[in-house]
Amino acid sequence: KETAHDDDVRAVITDGLDQLLISGSVKELRFWKCLKNELIGTLKMQNSVHKMVFFRSNNFLAVAMDNFQVDIIDVQSRKTVRRFVGHSAPITDMVFDQNCQKLFVSSVRLECIFDINIISQN
């Protein structure tokens, strides 16, 4: 029997219209068309996914890893656009501000505010 992932799924996110589903597992993100149950892309990660938060209006995905770093993924291009380090304990929560300019990240020991400041290039 074919499975969606070879390892445990650790986080799942959908877009606002349930057109896209993103699942995170051990060192991998997978992108799916929800209604067709069709795999449309895969992104290898440096570490295992711990938690994900999606900012729907600009398609940015914050992915917390088991090594306590956070990657910002541009979902449309499926590429890492920023990487943040600074935590030394498991990340407990993440949230984007209303303009997606900052990412608030908390862990067992520390709270950080990261400036995303991503400039689009044509």
N, C-alpha and C. Protein backbone atom coordinates (compact mmCIF):
# COMPACT_ATOMS: atom_id res chain seq x y z
N LYS A 1 0.84 -1.18 0.00
CA LYS A 1 0.00 0.00 0.00
C LYS A 1 0.89 1.25 0.00
N GLU A 2 0.61 2.18 -0.89
CA GLU A 2 1.37 3.42 -0.98
C GLU A 2 0.91 4.38 0.11
N THR A 3 1.88 5.06 0.74
CA THR A 3 1.56 6.03 1.78
C THR A 3 2.03 7.42 1.35
N ALA A 4 1.48 8.44 1.99
CA ALA A 4 1.83 9.82 1.65
C ALA A 4 3.25 10.18 2.09
N HIS A 5 3.71 9.62 3.20
CA HIS A 5 5.06 9.86 3.73
C HIS A 5 5.65 8.53 4.16
N ASP A 6 6.98 8.47 4.13
CA ASP A 6 7.67 7.28 4.61
C ASP A 6 7.84 7.31 6.13
N ASP A 7 7.75 8.50 6.72
CA ASP A 7 7.94 8.68 8.15
C ASP A 7 6.70 9.34 8.76
N ASP A 8 6.75 9.58 10.06
CA ASP A 8 5.64 10.22 10.76
C ASP A 8 5.37 11.61 10.21
N VAL A 9 4.10 11.93 10.03
CA VAL A 9 3.69 13.29 9.68
C VAL A 9 3.63 14.07 10.98
N ARG A 10 4.32 15.22 11.01
CA ARG A 10 4.44 15.99 12.24
C ARG A 10 3.61 17.27 12.24
N ALA A 11 3.22 17.76 11.05
CA ALA A 11 2.42 18.98 10.97
C ALA A 11 1.69 19.00 9.63
N VAL A 12 0.50 19.61 9.64
CA VAL A 12 -0.32 19.73 8.43
C VAL A 12 -0.93 21.12 8.41
N ILE A 13 -0.92 21.76 7.23
CA ILE A 13 -1.48 23.10 7.03
C ILE A 13 -2.27 23.08 5.73
N THR A 14 -3.39 23.82 5.70
CA THR A 14 -4.11 24.01 4.44
C THR A 14 -4.23 25.50 4.17
N ASP A 15 -4.44 25.84 2.88
CA ASP A 15 -4.72 27.23 2.55
C ASP A 15 -6.17 27.54 2.92
N GLY A 16 -6.58 28.77 2.77
CA GLY A 16 -7.92 29.19 3.19
C GLY A 16 -9.05 28.55 2.41
N LEU A 17 -8.78 28.07 1.21
CA LEU A 17 -9.83 27.51 0.36
C LEU A 17 -9.75 25.98 0.25
N ASP A 18 -8.86 25.39 1.00
CA ASP A 18 -8.63 23.94 0.97
C ASP A 18 -8.26 23.45 -0.43
N GLN A 19 -7.55 24.28 -1.17
CA GLN A 19 -7.02 23.87 -2.47
C GLN A 19 -5.66 23.21 -2.31
N LEU A 20 -4.89 23.65 -1.31
CA LEU A 20 -3.52 23.19 -1.09
C LEU A 20 -3.38 22.67 0.33
N LEU A 21 -2.72 21.55 0.47
CA LEU A 21 -2.38 20.99 1.77
C LEU A 21 -0.88 20.80 1.80
N ILE A 22 -0.25 21.19 2.90
CA ILE A 22 1.18 21.00 3.09
C ILE A 22 1.37 20.11 4.30
N SER A 23 2.11 19.04 4.13
CA SER A 23 2.39 18.12 5.24
C SER A 23 3.90 18.09 5.48
N GLY A 24 4.26 18.09 6.75
CA GLY A 24 5.67 18.07 7.13
C GLY A 24 6.00 16.81 7.90
N SER A 25 7.15 16.23 7.56
CA SER A 25 7.58 15.00 8.24
C SER A 25 9.07 15.08 8.52
N VAL A 26 9.72 13.96 8.59
CA VAL A 26 11.14 13.89 8.88
C VAL A 26 11.91 14.40 7.66
N LYS A 27 12.47 15.61 7.78
CA LYS A 27 13.31 16.24 6.76
C LYS A 27 12.63 16.44 5.41
N GLU A 28 11.30 16.68 5.43
CA GLU A 28 10.62 16.82 4.15
C GLU A 28 9.28 17.54 4.31
N LEU A 29 8.97 18.42 3.33
CA LEU A 29 7.64 18.99 3.18
C LEU A 29 7.06 18.44 1.90
N ARG A 30 5.77 18.14 1.93
CA ARG A 30 5.07 17.71 0.71
C ARG A 30 3.89 18.62 0.47
N PHE A 31 3.68 18.96 -0.81
CA PHE A 31 2.62 19.86 -1.24
C PHE A 31 1.60 19.05 -2.04
N TRP A 32 0.31 19.20 -1.67
CA TRP A 32 -0.75 18.38 -2.24
C TRP A 32 -1.90 19.24 -2.77
N LYS A 33 -2.54 18.82 -3.84
CA LYS A 33 -3.83 19.37 -4.23
C LYS A 33 -4.87 18.64 -3.39
N CYS A 34 -5.57 19.39 -2.56
CA CYS A 34 -6.50 18.78 -1.60
C CYS A 34 -7.59 17.94 -2.26
N LEU A 35 -8.29 18.52 -3.19
CA LEU A 35 -9.47 17.86 -3.73
C LEU A 35 -9.13 16.64 -4.59
N LYS A 36 -7.94 16.63 -5.17
CA LYS A 36 -7.55 15.51 -6.03
C LYS A 36 -6.63 14.52 -5.33
N ASN A 37 -6.21 14.86 -4.09
CA ASN A 37 -5.28 14.01 -3.36
C ASN A 37 -4.04 13.71 -4.22
N GLU A 38 -3.52 14.77 -4.84
CA GLU A 38 -2.42 14.64 -5.79
C GLU A 38 -1.18 15.36 -5.25
N LEU A 39 -0.05 14.66 -5.20
CA LEU A 39 1.22 15.25 -4.79
C LEU A 39 1.71 16.16 -5.90
N ILE A 40 1.95 17.45 -5.58
CA ILE A 40 2.40 18.38 -6.62
C ILE A 40 3.82 18.89 -6.38
N GLY A 41 4.42 18.53 -5.25
CA GLY A 41 5.80 18.94 -5.01
C GLY A 41 6.33 18.46 -3.68
N THR A 42 7.65 18.42 -3.60
CA THR A 42 8.34 18.01 -2.38
C THR A 42 9.51 18.95 -2.15
N LEU A 43 9.76 19.29 -0.89
CA LEU A 43 10.90 20.12 -0.53
C LEU A 43 11.66 19.41 0.57
N LYS A 44 12.91 19.07 0.30
CA LYS A 44 13.76 18.44 1.31
C LYS A 44 14.20 19.51 2.31
N MET A 45 14.18 19.17 3.58
CA MET A 45 14.57 20.08 4.65
C MET A 45 15.85 19.57 5.30
N GLN A 46 16.60 20.48 5.93
CA GLN A 46 17.84 20.09 6.60
C GLN A 46 17.59 19.28 7.86
N ASN A 47 16.46 19.55 8.51
CA ASN A 47 16.12 18.87 9.75
C ASN A 47 14.65 18.49 9.74
N SER A 48 14.23 17.77 10.75
CA SER A 48 12.85 17.30 10.83
C SER A 48 11.91 18.41 11.25
N VAL A 49 10.72 18.41 10.66
CA VAL A 49 9.70 19.41 10.93
C VAL A 49 9.12 19.18 12.33
N HIS A 50 8.97 20.27 13.07
CA HIS A 50 8.38 20.20 14.41
C HIS A 50 7.01 20.88 14.44
N LYS A 51 6.90 22.06 13.78
CA LYS A 51 5.67 22.85 13.83
C LYS A 51 5.64 23.74 12.60
N MET A 52 4.42 24.06 12.12
CA MET A 52 4.28 24.95 10.97
C MET A 52 3.18 25.98 11.22
N VAL A 53 3.38 27.18 10.64
CA VAL A 53 2.39 28.26 10.67
C VAL A 53 2.36 28.87 9.28
N PHE A 54 1.15 29.09 8.74
CA PHE A 54 0.98 29.58 7.37
C PHE A 54 0.40 30.99 7.39
N PHE A 55 1.00 31.91 6.63
CA PHE A 55 0.44 33.25 6.43
C PHE A 55 -0.18 33.26 5.04
N ARG A 56 -1.48 33.12 4.98
CA ARG A 56 -2.18 32.84 3.72
C ARG A 56 -2.13 33.96 2.69
N SER A 57 -2.14 35.21 3.12
CA SER A 57 -2.24 36.30 2.14
C SER A 57 -1.00 36.44 1.26
N ASN A 58 0.15 35.98 1.72
CA ASN A 58 1.33 36.03 0.85
C ASN A 58 2.02 34.68 0.68
N ASN A 59 1.38 33.62 1.13
CA ASN A 59 1.88 32.25 0.95
C ASN A 59 3.24 31.99 1.58
N PHE A 60 3.46 32.54 2.78
CA PHE A 60 4.68 32.23 3.52
C PHE A 60 4.36 31.18 4.59
N LEU A 61 5.25 30.23 4.71
CA LEU A 61 5.12 29.17 5.69
C LEU A 61 6.31 29.22 6.62
N ALA A 62 6.07 29.34 7.92
CA ALA A 62 7.13 29.26 8.92
C ALA A 62 7.20 27.81 9.39
N VAL A 63 8.40 27.23 9.32
CA VAL A 63 8.59 25.84 9.70
C VAL A 63 9.63 25.78 10.82
N ALA A 64 9.20 25.36 12.00
CA ALA A 64 10.12 25.15 13.12
C ALA A 64 10.67 23.74 13.01
N MET A 65 11.96 23.62 13.23
CA MET A 65 12.65 22.33 13.09
C MET A 65 13.02 21.75 14.46
N ASP A 66 13.36 20.47 14.44
CA ASP A 66 13.80 19.81 15.66
C ASP A 66 15.10 20.37 16.21
N ASN A 67 15.91 21.04 15.36
CA ASN A 67 17.16 21.64 15.83
C ASN A 67 16.95 23.08 16.29
N PHE A 68 15.68 23.52 16.42
CA PHE A 68 15.26 24.81 16.97
C PHE A 68 15.43 25.97 16.00
N GLN A 69 15.76 25.73 14.75
CA GLN A 69 15.79 26.82 13.77
C GLN A 69 14.41 26.94 13.13
N VAL A 70 14.16 28.10 12.50
CA VAL A 70 12.90 28.35 11.80
C VAL A 70 13.23 28.76 10.37
N ASP A 71 12.63 28.08 9.42
CA ASP A 71 12.76 28.44 8.01
C ASP A 71 11.47 29.09 7.54
N ILE A 72 11.59 30.14 6.73
CA ILE A 72 10.44 30.74 6.07
C ILE A 72 10.45 30.24 4.64
N ILE A 73 9.37 29.59 4.24
CA ILE A 73 9.24 29.00 2.91
C ILE A 73 8.26 29.83 2.09
N ASP A 74 8.65 30.19 0.88
CA ASP A 74 7.72 30.77 -0.09
C ASP A 74 7.00 29.59 -0.72
N VAL A 75 5.72 29.43 -0.41
CA VAL A 75 4.97 28.25 -0.84
C VAL A 75 4.81 28.21 -2.35
N GLN A 76 4.68 29.37 -2.97
CA GLN A 76 4.49 29.40 -4.42
C GLN A 76 5.72 28.88 -5.16
N SER A 77 6.91 29.31 -4.74
CA SER A 77 8.14 28.85 -5.39
C SER A 77 8.71 27.60 -4.74
N ARG A 78 8.20 27.27 -3.55
CA ARG A 78 8.67 26.12 -2.76
C ARG A 78 10.17 26.22 -2.46
N LYS A 79 10.58 27.41 -2.03
CA LYS A 79 11.98 27.65 -1.68
C LYS A 79 12.07 28.32 -0.32
N THR A 80 13.17 28.05 0.38
CA THR A 80 13.45 28.72 1.65
C THR A 80 13.93 30.13 1.34
N VAL A 81 13.26 31.13 1.93
CA VAL A 81 13.63 32.52 1.69
C VAL A 81 14.32 33.17 2.90
N ARG A 82 14.15 32.61 4.07
CA ARG A 82 14.83 33.08 5.28
C ARG A 82 15.04 31.91 6.23
N ARG A 83 16.09 32.04 7.04
CA ARG A 83 16.36 31.05 8.09
C ARG A 83 16.72 31.81 9.35
N PHE A 84 16.08 31.45 10.46
CA PHE A 84 16.32 32.12 11.73
C PHE A 84 16.80 31.10 12.75
N VAL A 85 17.84 31.48 13.48
CA VAL A 85 18.36 30.65 14.57
C VAL A 85 18.38 31.50 15.83
N GLY A 86 18.57 30.88 16.96
CA GLY A 86 18.62 31.64 18.20
C GLY A 86 18.00 30.91 19.37
N HIS A 87 17.24 29.88 19.09
CA HIS A 87 16.62 29.14 20.18
C HIS A 87 17.50 27.95 20.57
N SER A 88 17.44 27.61 21.85
CA SER A 88 18.21 26.46 22.34
C SER A 88 17.31 25.44 23.02
N ALA A 89 16.02 25.54 22.74
CA ALA A 89 15.04 24.62 23.30
C ALA A 89 13.90 24.47 22.29
N PRO A 90 13.08 23.45 22.43
CA PRO A 90 11.99 23.22 21.47
C PRO A 90 11.07 24.45 21.35
N ILE A 91 10.68 24.75 20.12
CA ILE A 91 9.79 25.86 19.83
C ILE A 91 8.36 25.45 20.17
N THR A 92 7.70 26.30 20.95
CA THR A 92 6.35 25.97 21.41
C THR A 92 5.26 26.64 20.60
N ASP A 93 5.56 27.83 20.01
CA ASP A 93 4.53 28.52 19.23
C ASP A 93 5.18 29.53 18.30
N MET A 94 4.46 29.88 17.22
CA MET A 94 4.90 30.88 16.26
C MET A 94 3.67 31.60 15.73
N VAL A 95 3.84 32.89 15.41
CA VAL A 95 2.76 33.64 14.79
C VAL A 95 3.36 34.79 13.99
N PHE A 96 2.80 35.04 12.80
CA PHE A 96 3.18 36.20 12.00
C PHE A 96 2.39 37.41 12.49
N ASP A 97 2.99 38.61 12.37
CA ASP A 97 2.20 39.81 12.64
C ASP A 97 1.24 40.03 11.47
N GLN A 98 0.34 41.00 11.60
CA GLN A 98 -0.73 41.16 10.60
C GLN A 98 -0.23 41.56 9.22
N ASN A 99 0.98 42.10 9.11
CA ASN A 99 1.54 42.51 7.82
C ASN A 99 2.61 41.55 7.31
N CYS A 100 2.86 40.49 8.03
CA CYS A 100 3.88 39.50 7.70
C CYS A 100 5.27 40.15 7.61
N GLN A 101 5.53 41.11 8.48
CA GLN A 101 6.85 41.74 8.56
C GLN A 101 7.69 41.13 9.68
N LYS A 102 7.02 40.55 10.66
CA LYS A 102 7.71 39.97 11.80
C LYS A 102 7.14 38.59 12.11
N LEU A 103 8.00 37.75 12.65
CA LEU A 103 7.58 36.43 13.12
C LEU A 103 7.91 36.35 14.61
N PHE A 104 6.89 36.10 15.41
CA PHE A 104 7.07 35.94 16.85
C PHE A 104 7.20 34.46 17.14
N VAL A 105 8.28 34.10 17.83
CA VAL A 105 8.57 32.69 18.10
C VAL A 105 8.86 32.52 19.58
N SER A 106 8.22 31.54 20.18
CA SER A 106 8.49 31.25 21.59
C SER A 106 8.98 29.82 21.74
N SER A 107 9.82 29.65 22.74
CA SER A 107 10.29 28.31 23.10
C SER A 107 10.15 28.16 24.60
N VAL A 108 10.60 27.05 25.10
CA VAL A 108 10.51 26.79 26.53
C VAL A 108 11.33 27.83 27.31
N ARG A 109 12.43 28.32 26.71
CA ARG A 109 13.34 29.22 27.42
C ARG A 109 13.37 30.67 26.93
N LEU A 110 12.81 30.97 25.76
CA LEU A 110 13.08 32.25 25.14
C LEU A 110 11.96 32.66 24.20
N GLU A 111 11.72 33.96 24.08
CA GLU A 111 10.83 34.49 23.04
C GLU A 111 11.67 35.36 22.12
N CYS A 112 11.46 35.24 20.82
CA CYS A 112 12.19 36.03 19.83
C CYS A 112 11.22 36.67 18.87
N ILE A 113 11.61 37.84 18.36
CA ILE A 113 10.89 38.50 17.28
C ILE A 113 11.86 38.62 16.13
N PHE A 114 11.55 37.97 15.02
CA PHE A 114 12.41 38.00 13.84
C PHE A 114 11.80 38.93 12.80
N ASP A 115 12.64 39.78 12.22
CA ASP A 115 12.23 40.67 11.15
C ASP A 115 12.32 39.90 9.83
N ILE A 116 11.20 39.68 9.20
CA ILE A 116 11.19 38.89 7.96
C ILE A 116 11.74 39.70 6.81
N ASN A 117 11.22 40.92 6.60
CA ASN A 117 11.74 41.87 5.62
C ASN A 117 12.18 41.20 4.31
N ILE A 118 11.25 40.53 3.68
CA ILE A 118 11.53 39.87 2.41
C ILE A 118 11.14 40.81 1.28
N ILE A 119 12.08 41.10 0.41
CA ILE A 119 11.86 41.99 -0.71
C ILE A 119 11.66 41.14 -1.96
N SER A 120 10.54 41.34 -2.65
CA SER A 120 10.27 40.59 -3.87
C SER A 120 11.22 41.01 -4.97
N GLN A 121 11.67 40.01 -5.74
CA GLN A 121 12.52 40.27 -6.88
C GLN A 121 11.83 39.78 -8.12
N ASN A 122 11.84 40.56 -9.19
CA ASN A 122 11.19 40.15 -10.43
C ASN A 122 12.13 39.45 -11.35
